[in-house]
C-alpha atoms as a PDB file:
ATOM      1  CA  MET A   1      -5.362  -0.182  -8.474  1.00  0.00           C
ATOM      2  CA  ILE A   2      -3.760   0.204  -5.494  1.00  0.00           C
ATOM      3  CA  VAL A   3      -5.707  -0.553  -2.686  1.00  0.00           C
ATOM      4  CA  GLY A   4      -3.960   0.897   1.586  1.00  0.00           C
ATOM      5  CA  ASP A   5      -4.696   2.597   4.256  1.00  0.00           C
ATOM      6  CA  SER A   6      -2.416   5.503   5.713  1.00  0.00           C
ATOM      7  CA  ILE A   7       0.456   4.004   4.540  1.00  0.00           C
ATOM      8  CA  THR A   8      -0.237   4.308   0.872  1.00  0.00           C
ATOM      9  CA  GLN A   9      -2.594   7.282   0.605  1.00  0.00           C
ATOM     10  CA  GLY A  10      -0.411   8.993   2.640  1.00  0.00           C
ATOM     11  CA  ARG A  11      -0.044  12.797   3.902  1.00  0.00           C
ATOM     12  CA  ASP A  12      -0.284  16.239   3.256  1.00  0.00           C
ATOM     13  CA  GLY A  13       3.054  16.628   2.080  1.00  0.00           C
ATOM     14  CA  ASP A  14       4.088  13.049   1.312  1.00  0.00           C
ATOM     15  CA  HIS A  15       6.128  12.256  -1.914  1.00  0.00           C
ATOM     16  CA  THR A  16       4.146   8.169  -1.232  1.00  0.00           C
ATOM     17  CA  TRP A  17       4.942   4.667  -2.667  1.00  0.00           C
ATOM     18  CA  ARG A  18       2.813   5.477  -5.164  1.00  0.00           C
ATOM     19  CA  TYR A  19       4.669   7.767  -6.615  1.00  0.00           C
ATOM     20  CA  ARG A  20       7.719   6.049  -5.954  1.00  0.00           C
ATOM     21  CA  LEU A  21       5.849   2.848  -7.656  1.00  0.00           C
ATOM     22  CA  TRP A  22       4.892   5.410 -10.365  1.00  0.00           C
ATOM     23  CA  ARG A  23       8.261   6.462 -11.275  1.00  0.00           C
ATOM     24  CA  HIS A  24       9.609   3.372 -11.763  1.00  0.00           C
ATOM     25  CA  PHE A  25       7.152   1.918 -14.101  1.00  0.00           C
ATOM     26  CA  ARG A  26       7.696   5.405 -16.535  1.00  0.00           C
ATOM     27  CA  SER A  27      11.982   5.815 -15.674  1.00  0.00           C
ATOM     28  CA  HIS A  28      11.500   1.881 -16.702  1.00  0.00           C
ATOM     29  CA  GLY A  29       9.710   2.185 -20.435  1.00  0.00           C
ATOM     30  CA  VAL A  30       6.677  -0.391 -18.328  1.00  0.00           C
ATOM     31  CA  THR A  31       2.605   1.227 -19.034  1.00  0.00           C
ATOM     32  CA  ALA A  32       1.189   1.110 -15.985  1.00  0.00           C
ATOM     33  CA  SER A  33      -2.141   3.214 -15.643  1.00  0.00           C
ATOM     34  CA  PHE A  34      -3.710   4.220 -11.797  1.00  0.00           C
ATOM     35  CA  VAL A  35      -7.134   3.523 -11.821  1.00  0.00           C
ATOM     36  CA  GLY A  36      -9.628   4.568  -8.038  1.00  0.00           C
ATOM     37  CA  PRO A  37     -12.194   7.285  -7.375  1.00  0.00           C
ATOM     38  CA  TRP A  38      -9.814   8.828  -4.997  1.00  0.00           C
ATOM     39  CA  ARG A  39      -6.725  11.131  -5.537  1.00  0.00           C
ATOM     40  CA  GLY A  40      -5.065  12.885  -3.104  1.00  0.00           C
ATOM     41  CA  THR A  41      -2.974  12.502   0.838  1.00  0.00           C
ATOM     42  CA  TRP A  42      -4.584  12.801   3.922  1.00  0.00           C
ATOM     43  CA  VAL A  43      -5.000  16.556   5.166  1.00  0.00           C
ATOM     44  CA  PRO A  44      -5.342  15.975   9.408  1.00  0.00           C
ATOM     45  CA  PRO A  45      -8.460  18.041  10.445  1.00  0.00           C
ATOM     46  CA  GLU A  46      -7.661  20.896  12.434  1.00  0.00           C
ATOM     47  CA  ASN A  47      -9.722  20.164  15.152  1.00  0.00           C
ATOM     48  CA  GLY A  48     -11.563  16.572  16.658  1.00  0.00           C
ATOM     49  CA  PRO A  49      -9.865  13.315  16.535  1.00  0.00           C
ATOM     50  CA  SER A  50      -7.746  12.426  13.660  1.00  0.00           C
ATOM     51  CA  GLY A  51      -6.177   9.010  12.388  1.00  0.00           C
ATOM     52  CA  PRO A  52      -7.360   5.474  12.307  1.00  0.00           C
ATOM     53  CA  GLU A  53      -9.746   5.736  15.446  1.00  0.00           C
ATOM     54  CA  PRO A  54     -12.601   6.613  14.697  1.00  0.00           C
ATOM     55  CA  HIS A  55     -13.087   3.758  11.710  1.00  0.00           C
ATOM     56  CA  ALA A  56     -12.186   1.715  14.258  1.00  0.00           C
ATOM     57  CA  LEU A  57     -14.536   2.485  16.718  1.00  0.00           C
ATOM     58  CA  ALA A  58     -17.074   2.785  14.128  1.00  0.00           C
ATOM     59  CA  ALA A  59     -15.993  -0.824  12.854  1.00  0.00           C
ATOM     60  CA  ARG A  60     -16.933  -2.022  16.817  1.00  0.00           C
ATOM     61  CA  CYS A  61     -19.966  -0.585  16.857  1.00  0.00           C
ATOM     62  CA  GLY A  62     -21.625  -1.438  13.662  1.00  0.00           C
ATOM     63  CA  ILE A  63     -21.788   2.257  12.265  1.00  0.00           C
ATOM     64  CA  ARG A  64     -20.962   4.346   9.267  1.00  0.00           C
ATOM     65  CA  SER A  65     -16.837   5.225   8.889  1.00  0.00           C
ATOM     66  CA  PRO A  66     -16.493   8.457   9.227  1.00  0.00           C
ATOM     67  CA  ALA A  67     -16.015  10.320   5.186  1.00  0.00           C
ATOM     68  CA  PRO A  68     -12.483   9.711   3.686  1.00  0.00           C
ATOM     69  CA  VAL A  69     -10.316  12.515   3.163  1.00  0.00           C
ATOM     70  CA  HIS A  70      -8.178  13.280  -0.463  1.00  0.00           C
ATOM     71  CA  THR A  71      -7.788  17.147  -0.284  1.00  0.00           C
ATOM     72  CA  GLY A  72      -3.428  17.021   0.244  1.00  0.00           C
ATOM     73  CA  ARG A  73      -1.081  17.870  -1.393  1.00  0.00           C
ATOM     74  CA  TYR A  74       2.236  15.823  -2.833  1.00  0.00           C
ATOM     75  CA  ARG A  75       5.688  16.722  -2.179  1.00  0.00           C
ATOM     76  CA  ASP A  76       6.332  20.173  -3.536  1.00  0.00           C
ATOM     77  CA  GLY A  77       2.720  21.367  -4.525  1.00  0.00           C
ATOM     78  CA  ALA A  78       2.676  18.612  -7.151  1.00  0.00           C
ATOM     79  CA  GLY A  79       0.742  16.072  -8.268  1.00  0.00           C
ATOM     80  CA  PHE A  80       0.945  12.918 -10.478  1.00  0.00           C
ATOM     81  CA  GLU A  81      -0.446  11.379 -13.436  1.00  0.00           C
ATOM     82  CA  GLY A  82      -0.661   7.723 -11.421  1.00  0.00           C
ATOM     83  CA  ASP A  83      -2.321   9.431  -8.952  1.00  0.00           C
ATOM     84  CA  ARG A  84      -5.809   7.787  -8.501  1.00  0.00           C
ATOM     85  CA  HIS A  85      -5.777   4.899  -5.868  1.00  0.00           C
ATOM     86  CA  TYR A  86      -8.321   3.294  -3.761  1.00  0.00           C
ATOM     87  CA  ALA A  87      -6.366   4.337  -0.174  1.00  0.00           C
ATOM     88  CA  SER A  88      -7.854   6.613   3.183  1.00  0.00           C
ATOM     89  CA  TRP A  89      -5.973   7.015   6.112  1.00  0.00           C
ATOM     90  CA  GLY A  90      -7.988   5.102   8.873  1.00  0.00           C
ATOM     91  CA  ARG A  91      -9.169   2.277   5.939  1.00  0.00           C
ATOM     92  CA  LEU A  92      -9.386  -1.863   7.579  1.00  0.00           C
ATOM     93  CA  LEU A  93      -9.644  -4.513   5.316  1.00  0.00           C
ATOM     94  CA  HIS A  94     -13.141  -5.884   7.120  1.00  0.00           C
ATOM     95  CA  GLU A  95     -14.753  -2.276   5.480  1.00  0.00           C
ATOM     96  CA  ALA A  96     -12.964  -2.368   2.260  1.00  0.00           C
ATOM     97  CA  LYS A  97     -14.085  -5.916   1.657  1.00  0.00           C
ATOM     98  CA  ASP A  98     -17.465  -4.827   1.322  1.00  0.00           C
ATOM     99  CA  ASN A  99     -16.539  -2.308  -1.354  1.00  0.00           C
ATOM    100  CA  ILE A 100     -14.020  -3.983  -4.015  1.00  0.00           C
ATOM    101  CA  GLY A 101     -16.102  -5.291  -6.100  1.00  0.00           C
ATOM    102  CA  ASP A 102     -17.691  -2.159  -6.880  1.00  0.00           C
ATOM    103  CA  ALA A 103     -14.230  -0.069  -7.321  1.00  0.00           C
ATOM    104  CA  VAL A 104     -12.908  -2.911  -9.295  1.00  0.00           C
ATOM    105  CA  ALA A 105     -16.340  -3.020 -12.017  1.00  0.00           C
ATOM    106  CA  ALA A 106     -16.508   0.891 -11.879  1.00  0.00           C
ATOM    107  CA  HIS A 107     -12.516   1.331 -12.343  1.00  0.00           C
ATOM    108  CA  GLY A 108     -11.941  -1.187 -14.737  1.00  0.00           C
ATOM    109  CA  ALA A 109      -8.679  -3.212 -12.018  1.00  0.00           C
ATOM    110  CA  ASP A 110      -7.468  -6.068 -13.458  1.00  0.00           C
ATOM    111  CA  HIS A 111      -4.918  -5.714 -11.638  1.00  0.00           C
ATOM    112  CA  LEU A 112      -4.738  -4.839  -7.520  1.00  0.00           C
ATOM    113  CA  MET A 113      -1.882  -3.841  -5.381  1.00  0.00           C
ATOM    114  CA  VAL A 114      -2.990  -4.317  -1.805  1.00  0.00           C
ATOM    115  CA  ALA A 115      -1.739  -2.535   1.419  1.00  0.00           C
ATOM    116  CA  LEU A 116      -3.936  -3.228   4.556  1.00  0.00           C
ATOM    117  CA  GLY A 117      -4.694  -4.946   7.858  1.00  0.00           C
ATOM    118  CA  PHE A 118      -2.352  -2.753   9.670  1.00  0.00           C
ATOM    119  CA  ASN A 119      -5.211  -0.421  10.995  1.00  0.00           C
ATOM    120  CA  ASP A 120      -7.838  -4.511  11.987  1.00  0.00           C
ATOM    121  CA  LEU A 121      -4.842  -5.435  14.181  1.00  0.00           C
ATOM    122  CA  ALA A 122      -4.460  -2.349  16.076  1.00  0.00           C
ATOM    123  CA  TRP A 123      -7.613  -0.976  16.833  1.00  0.00           C
ATOM    124  CA  GLY A 124      -8.931  -4.521  18.692  1.00  0.00           C
ATOM    125  CA  VAL A 125     -11.218  -4.873  15.090  1.00  0.00           C
ATOM    126  CA  ARG A 126      -9.762  -8.967  14.101  1.00  0.00           C
ATOM    127  CA  GLY A 127      -7.348 -10.670  15.154  1.00  0.00           C
ATOM    128  CA  PRO A 128      -4.984 -12.005  12.631  1.00  0.00           C
ATOM    129  CA  GLY A 129      -7.030 -15.269  11.916  1.00  0.00           C
ATOM    130  CA  GLN A 130     -10.647 -13.234  11.511  1.00  0.00           C
ATOM    131  CA  ALA A 131      -8.335 -11.176   9.630  1.00  0.00           C
ATOM    132  CA  LEU A 132      -7.497 -13.580   7.193  1.00  0.00           C
ATOM    133  CA  ARG A 133     -11.467 -14.779   6.443  1.00  0.00           C
ATOM    134  CA  ASP A 134     -11.558 -10.586   5.539  1.00  0.00           C
ATOM    135  CA  LEU A 135      -9.280 -11.301   3.105  1.00  0.00           C
ATOM    136  CA  ALA A 136     -10.090 -14.371   1.659  1.00  0.00           C
ATOM    137  CA  THR A 137     -13.811 -11.684   1.735  1.00  0.00           C
ATOM    138  CA  PHE A 138     -11.911  -9.478  -0.534  1.00  0.00           C
ATOM    139  CA  VAL A 139     -10.314 -11.414  -3.299  1.00  0.00           C
ATOM    140  CA  ARG A 140     -13.956 -13.068  -4.060  1.00  0.00           C
ATOM    141  CA  ARG A 141     -15.705  -9.805  -4.297  1.00  0.00           C
ATOM    142  CA  ALA A 142     -12.704  -8.617  -6.081  1.00  0.00           C
ATOM    143  CA  ARG A 143     -12.766 -11.600  -8.857  1.00  0.00           C
ATOM    144  CA  GLU A 144     -17.015 -11.489  -8.687  1.00  0.00           C
ATOM    145  CA  ALA A 145     -16.270  -8.171  -9.946  1.00  0.00           C
ATOM    146  CA  ASN A 146     -13.548  -8.978 -12.546  1.00  0.00           C
ATOM    147  CA  PRO A 147     -12.611 -12.905 -13.599  1.00  0.00           C
ATOM    148  CA  ASP A 148      -9.274 -12.846 -14.395  1.00  0.00           C
ATOM    149  CA  VAL A 149      -8.363  -9.755 -11.600  1.00  0.00           C
ATOM    150  CA  GLN A 150      -4.642 -10.819 -10.892  1.00  0.00           C
ATOM    151  CA  LEU A 151      -3.922  -9.196  -7.195  1.00  0.00           C
ATOM    152  CA  LEU A 152      -0.577  -8.492  -5.292  1.00  0.00           C
ATOM    153  CA  VAL A 153      -0.837  -8.011  -1.304  1.00  0.00           C
ATOM    154  CA  ALA A 154       1.184  -7.511   1.259  1.00  0.00           C
ATOM    155  CA  ASN A 155       2.158  -8.796   4.290  1.00  0.00           C
ATOM    156  CA  ILE A 156       1.923  -6.171   8.121  1.00  0.00           C
ATOM    157  CA  VAL A 157       4.950  -3.836   8.122  1.00  0.00           C
ATOM    158  CA  GLN A 158       5.765  -4.314  12.351  1.00  0.00           C
ATOM    159  CA  ARG A 159       5.713  -0.944  14.019  1.00  0.00           C
ATOM    160  CA  THR A 160       7.236   0.383  17.190  1.00  0.00           C
ATOM    161  CA  PRO A 161       5.616  -0.309  20.059  1.00  0.00           C
ATOM    162  CA  LEU A 162       3.085   0.984  21.860  1.00  0.00           C
ATOM    163  CA  ARG A 163       2.288   0.752  25.792  1.00  0.00           C
ATOM    164  CA  GLU A 164      -2.194   0.465  24.595  1.00  0.00           C
ATOM    165  CA  HIS A 165      -1.564  -2.099  22.055  1.00  0.00           C
ATOM    166  CA  PRO A 166       0.974  -4.274  23.827  1.00  0.00           C
ATOM    167  CA  ASN A 167       0.809  -7.931  21.426  1.00  0.00           C
ATOM    168  CA  LEU A 168       0.165  -5.694  18.160  1.00  0.00           C
ATOM    169  CA  GLY A 169       4.016  -7.196  17.512  1.00  0.00           C
ATOM    170  CA  ARG A 170       2.748 -10.686  17.913  1.00  0.00           C
ATOM    171  CA  ASP A 171      -0.170 -10.806  16.198  1.00  0.00           C
ATOM    172  CA  THR A 172       1.122  -8.944  13.076  1.00  0.00           C
ATOM    173  CA  ALA A 173       4.235 -11.013  12.953  1.00  0.00           C
ATOM    174  CA  LEU A 174       1.432 -14.545  13.056  1.00  0.00           C
ATOM    175  CA  TYR A 175      -0.406 -12.707  10.673  1.00  0.00           C
ATOM    176  CA  ASN A 176       2.792 -12.557   8.388  1.00  0.00           C
ATOM    177  CA  ARG A 177       3.353 -15.999   9.061  1.00  0.00           C
ATOM    178  CA  LEU A 178       0.034 -17.485   7.494  1.00  0.00           C
ATOM    179  CA  LEU A 179      -0.258 -15.296   4.971  1.00  0.00           C
ATOM    180  CA  PRO A 180       1.375 -16.451   2.521  1.00  0.00           C
ATOM    181  CA  ALA A 181      -0.026 -20.243   2.808  1.00  0.00           C
ATOM    182  CA  ARG A 182      -3.284 -18.604   2.573  1.00  0.00           C
ATOM    183  CA  LEU A 183      -2.740 -16.619  -0.671  1.00  0.00           C
ATOM    184  CA  ALA A 184      -1.264 -19.658  -2.126  1.00  0.00           C
ATOM    185  CA  GLU A 185      -5.102 -21.050  -1.146  1.00  0.00           C
ATOM    186  CA  LEU A 186      -7.000 -18.088  -3.285  1.00  0.00           C
ATOM    187  CA  SER A 187      -4.620 -17.875  -5.469  1.00  0.00           C
ATOM    188  CA  THR A 188      -6.146 -19.988  -9.428  1.00  0.00           C
ATOM    189  CA  ALA A 189      -4.614 -20.157 -12.547  1.00  0.00           C
ATOM    190  CA  ARG A 190      -7.013 -17.318 -13.921  1.00  0.00           C
ATOM    191  CA  SER A 191      -6.747 -15.199 -10.628  1.00  0.00           C
ATOM    192  CA  ARG A 192      -2.646 -14.844  -8.684  1.00  0.00           C
ATOM    193  CA  ALA A 193      -3.137 -14.186  -5.425  1.00  0.00           C
ATOM    194  CA  VAL A 194       0.191 -12.489  -5.028  1.00  0.00           C
ATOM    195  CA  PRO A 195       2.173 -12.010  -1.574  1.00  0.00           C
ATOM    196  CA  VAL A 196       4.431  -8.621  -1.520  1.00  0.00           C
ATOM    197  CA  ASP A 197       7.063  -9.019   1.712  1.00  0.00           C
ATOM    198  CA  ILE A 198       7.222  -5.577   2.463  1.00  0.00           C
ATOM    199  CA  ALA A 199       7.620  -5.979   6.608  1.00  0.00           C
ATOM    200  CA  ALA A 200      11.148  -7.697   5.561  1.00  0.00           C
ATOM    201  CA  VAL A 201      12.687  -4.485   3.699  1.00  0.00           C
ATOM    202  CA  TYR A 202      11.163  -2.415   6.170  1.00  0.00           C
ATOM    203  CA  ASP A 203      12.849  -0.653   9.658  1.00  0.00           C
ATOM    204  CA  PRO A 204       9.728   0.951  11.890  1.00  0.00           C
ATOM    205  CA  TYR A 205      12.611   2.864  13.787  1.00  0.00           C
ATOM    206  CA  ASP A 206      14.542   4.097  10.094  1.00  0.00           C
ATOM    207  CA  ASP A 207      12.047   3.840   7.192  1.00  0.00           C
ATOM    208  CA  ALA A 208       9.214   5.772   9.020  1.00  0.00           C
ATOM    209  CA  TYR A 209       8.670   9.052  10.093  1.00  0.00           C
ATOM    210  CA  ASP A 210       6.792   8.347  13.100  1.00  0.00           C
ATOM    211  CA  GLY A 211       6.794   5.136  13.697  1.00  0.00           C
ATOM    212  CA  VAL A 212       4.562   2.952  11.143  1.00  0.00           C
ATOM    213  CA  HIS A 213       4.059   6.154   8.717  1.00  0.00           C
ATOM    214  CA  PRO A 214       7.133   5.811   5.879  1.00  0.00           C
ATOM    215  CA  ASN A 215       9.759   8.752   5.769  1.00  0.00           C
ATOM    216  CA  ASP A 216      11.782   8.668   2.125  1.00  0.00           C
ATOM    217  CA  SER A 217      13.092   5.767   2.156  1.00  0.00           C
ATOM    218  CA  GLY A 218      10.633   3.222   3.536  1.00  0.00           C
ATOM    219  CA  GLU A 219       8.714   4.371   0.310  1.00  0.00           C
ATOM    220  CA  LEU A 220      10.965   3.520  -1.488  1.00  0.00           C
ATOM    221  CA  LYS A 221      11.852   0.113  -0.389  1.00  0.00           C
ATOM    222  CA  ILE A 222       7.672  -0.157  -0.485  1.00  0.00           C
ATOM    223  CA  ALA A 223       7.935   0.529  -4.218  1.00  0.00           C
ATOM    224  CA  ARG A 224      10.562  -1.809  -4.430  1.00  0.00           C
ATOM    225  CA  ALA A 225       9.023  -4.512  -3.034  1.00  0.00           C
ATOM    226  CA  PHE A 226       5.960  -4.483  -4.444  1.00  0.00           C
ATOM    227  CA  ALA A 227       7.631  -3.388  -8.202  1.00  0.00           C
ATOM    228  CA  GLY A 228      10.065  -6.792  -7.922  1.00  0.00           C
ATOM    229  CA  ALA A 229       6.567  -8.900  -6.544  1.00  0.00           C
ATOM    230  CA  TYR A 230       4.585  -7.950 -10.049  1.00  0.00           C
ATOM    231  CA  MET A 231       7.636  -8.545 -12.283  1.00  0.00           C
ATOM    232  CA  SER A 232       8.901 -10.914 -11.239  1.00  0.00           C
ATOM    233  CA  ALA A 233       4.984 -12.594 -11.279  1.00  0.00           C
ATOM    234  CA  PHE A 234       3.162 -11.478 -13.997  1.00  0.00           C
ATOM    235  CA  GLY A 235       7.214 -11.820 -16.286  1.00  0.00           C
ATOM    236  CA  VAL A 236       6.678  -8.117 -17.081  1.00  0.00           C
ATOM    237  CA  ARG A 237      10.547  -6.603 -18.219  1.00  0.00           C
ATOM    238  CA  PRO A 238      11.562  -2.980 -18.848  1.00  0.00           C
ATOM    239  CA  ARG A 239      11.456  -2.220 -22.661  1.00  0.00           C
ATOM    240  CA  LEU A 240      13.958   0.805 -22.072  1.00  0.00           C
ATOM    241  CA  PRO A 241      17.297   1.072 -19.714  1.00  0.00           C
ATOM    242  CA  ALA A 242      16.585   3.643 -17.203  1.00  0.00           C
ATOM    243  CA  ARG A 243      19.808   5.439 -18.118  1.00  0.00           C
ATOM    244  CA  PRO A 244      23.014   4.949 -19.953  1.00  0.00           C
ATOM    245  CA  GLY A 245      24.940   1.267 -18.064  1.00  0.00           C
ATOM    246  CA  VAL A 246      21.419   0.184 -16.537  1.00  0.00           C
ATOM    247  CA  THR A 247      20.504  -2.920 -18.712  1.00  0.00           C
ATOM    248  CA  PRO A 248      16.486  -3.487 -19.144  1.00  0.00           C
ATOM    249  CA  GLY A 249      15.311  -5.550 -16.200  1.00  0.00           C
ATOM    250  CA  GLN A 250      17.669  -4.523 -13.731  1.00  0.00           C
ATOM    251  CA  LEU A 251      15.596  -2.533 -10.670  1.00  0.00           C
ATOM    252  CA  ASP A 252      17.820   0.735 -10.852  1.00  0.00           C
ATOM    253  CA  TRP A 253      17.303   1.372  -6.696  1.00  0.00           C
ATOM    254  CA  ALA A 254      20.495   2.555  -6.037  1.00  0.00           C
ATOM    255  CA  ALA A 255      20.035   5.915  -7.066  1.00  0.00           C
ATOM    256  CA  MET A 256      17.369   6.220  -5.568  1.00  0.00           C
ATOM    257  CA  ALA A 257      18.392   5.396  -2.710  1.00  0.00           C
ATOM    258  CA  VAL A 258      21.078   8.448  -3.046  1.00  0.00           C
ATOM    259  CA  ARG A 259      18.173  11.156  -3.310  1.00  0.00           C
ATOM    260  CA  SER A 260      16.309   9.519  -0.395  1.00  0.00           C
ATOM    261  CA  GLU A 261      19.403  10.456   2.037  1.00  0.00           C
ATOM    262  CA  ALA A 262      20.148  13.188  -0.438  1.00  0.00           C
ATOM    263  CA  SER A 263      16.305  14.233   0.744  1.00  0.00           C
ATOM    264  CA  ARG A 264      16.873  13.165   5.549  1.00  0.00           C
ATOM    265  CA  SER A 265      19.867  16.008   4.596  1.00  0.00           C
ATOM    266  CA  GLY A 266      18.088  18.671   3.122  1.00  0.00           C
ATOM    267  CA  ALA A 267      18.744  18.820  -0.404  1.00  0.00           C
ATOM    268  CA  GLU A 268      15.585  17.913  -2.770  1.00  0.00           C
ATOM    269  CA  ILE A 269      14.669  14.419  -4.028  1.00  0.00           C
ATOM    270  CA  ILE A 270      14.430  14.506  -8.043  1.00  0.00           C
ATOM    271  CA  GLY A 271      13.555  11.792  -9.771  1.00  0.00           C
ATOM    272  CA  GLN A 272      12.720   8.728  -8.571  1.00  0.00           C
END
């Protein structure tokens, strides 16, 4: 089950990195069923506030967050078999820790791919230390639902500077420095907590369309980071080559990059 915020859910018309990961698994003969309560991307409201601010305000005031929206389409108007997820625009780790147990139990999740925390820091809901404590609660409640659950937890991507949030870069860097050691403490032989370093490969100037949300290259980089961490941590190897000349176990991301470049120049992305 993929758990995240807007970076993971995607906006109406995006491919999403979830799609890229699903295509990678499928093309390499890796069997993976994506589960979760939601499908679809986010659709901006025609009127009224949008984005994460209402969720952050609700968290600070102790009131219920706005209802999530999951009616958006994927690129070319088509969904995909693996589009089930547990990601929502504006989502907070501080909120997700309270309902992850119910979701794991309801959908039988045995692996969680988690990319949360940006909104907590960006909108002043939690500081780095508080977010790490929320993460510990998140892990504990997921394990209460499934003691054998395996977790892959991403750090937080940097975004281009915001004048109204001058400390975001500093807080993100601190959280990211502390995260690997915290995950090592939380990891057990029965239920591993594996770090996924998306921040190291993600450039908000080149890989985002608005300074934070991924464009084609950003989606590919996040998918590659999760795929690499998953296959390395759990000894998963592709059963079949992705195409002639590609050996089992080799990640054929070069072809994906070519397609991404084609998309930016106006051509259609196909395949990966």
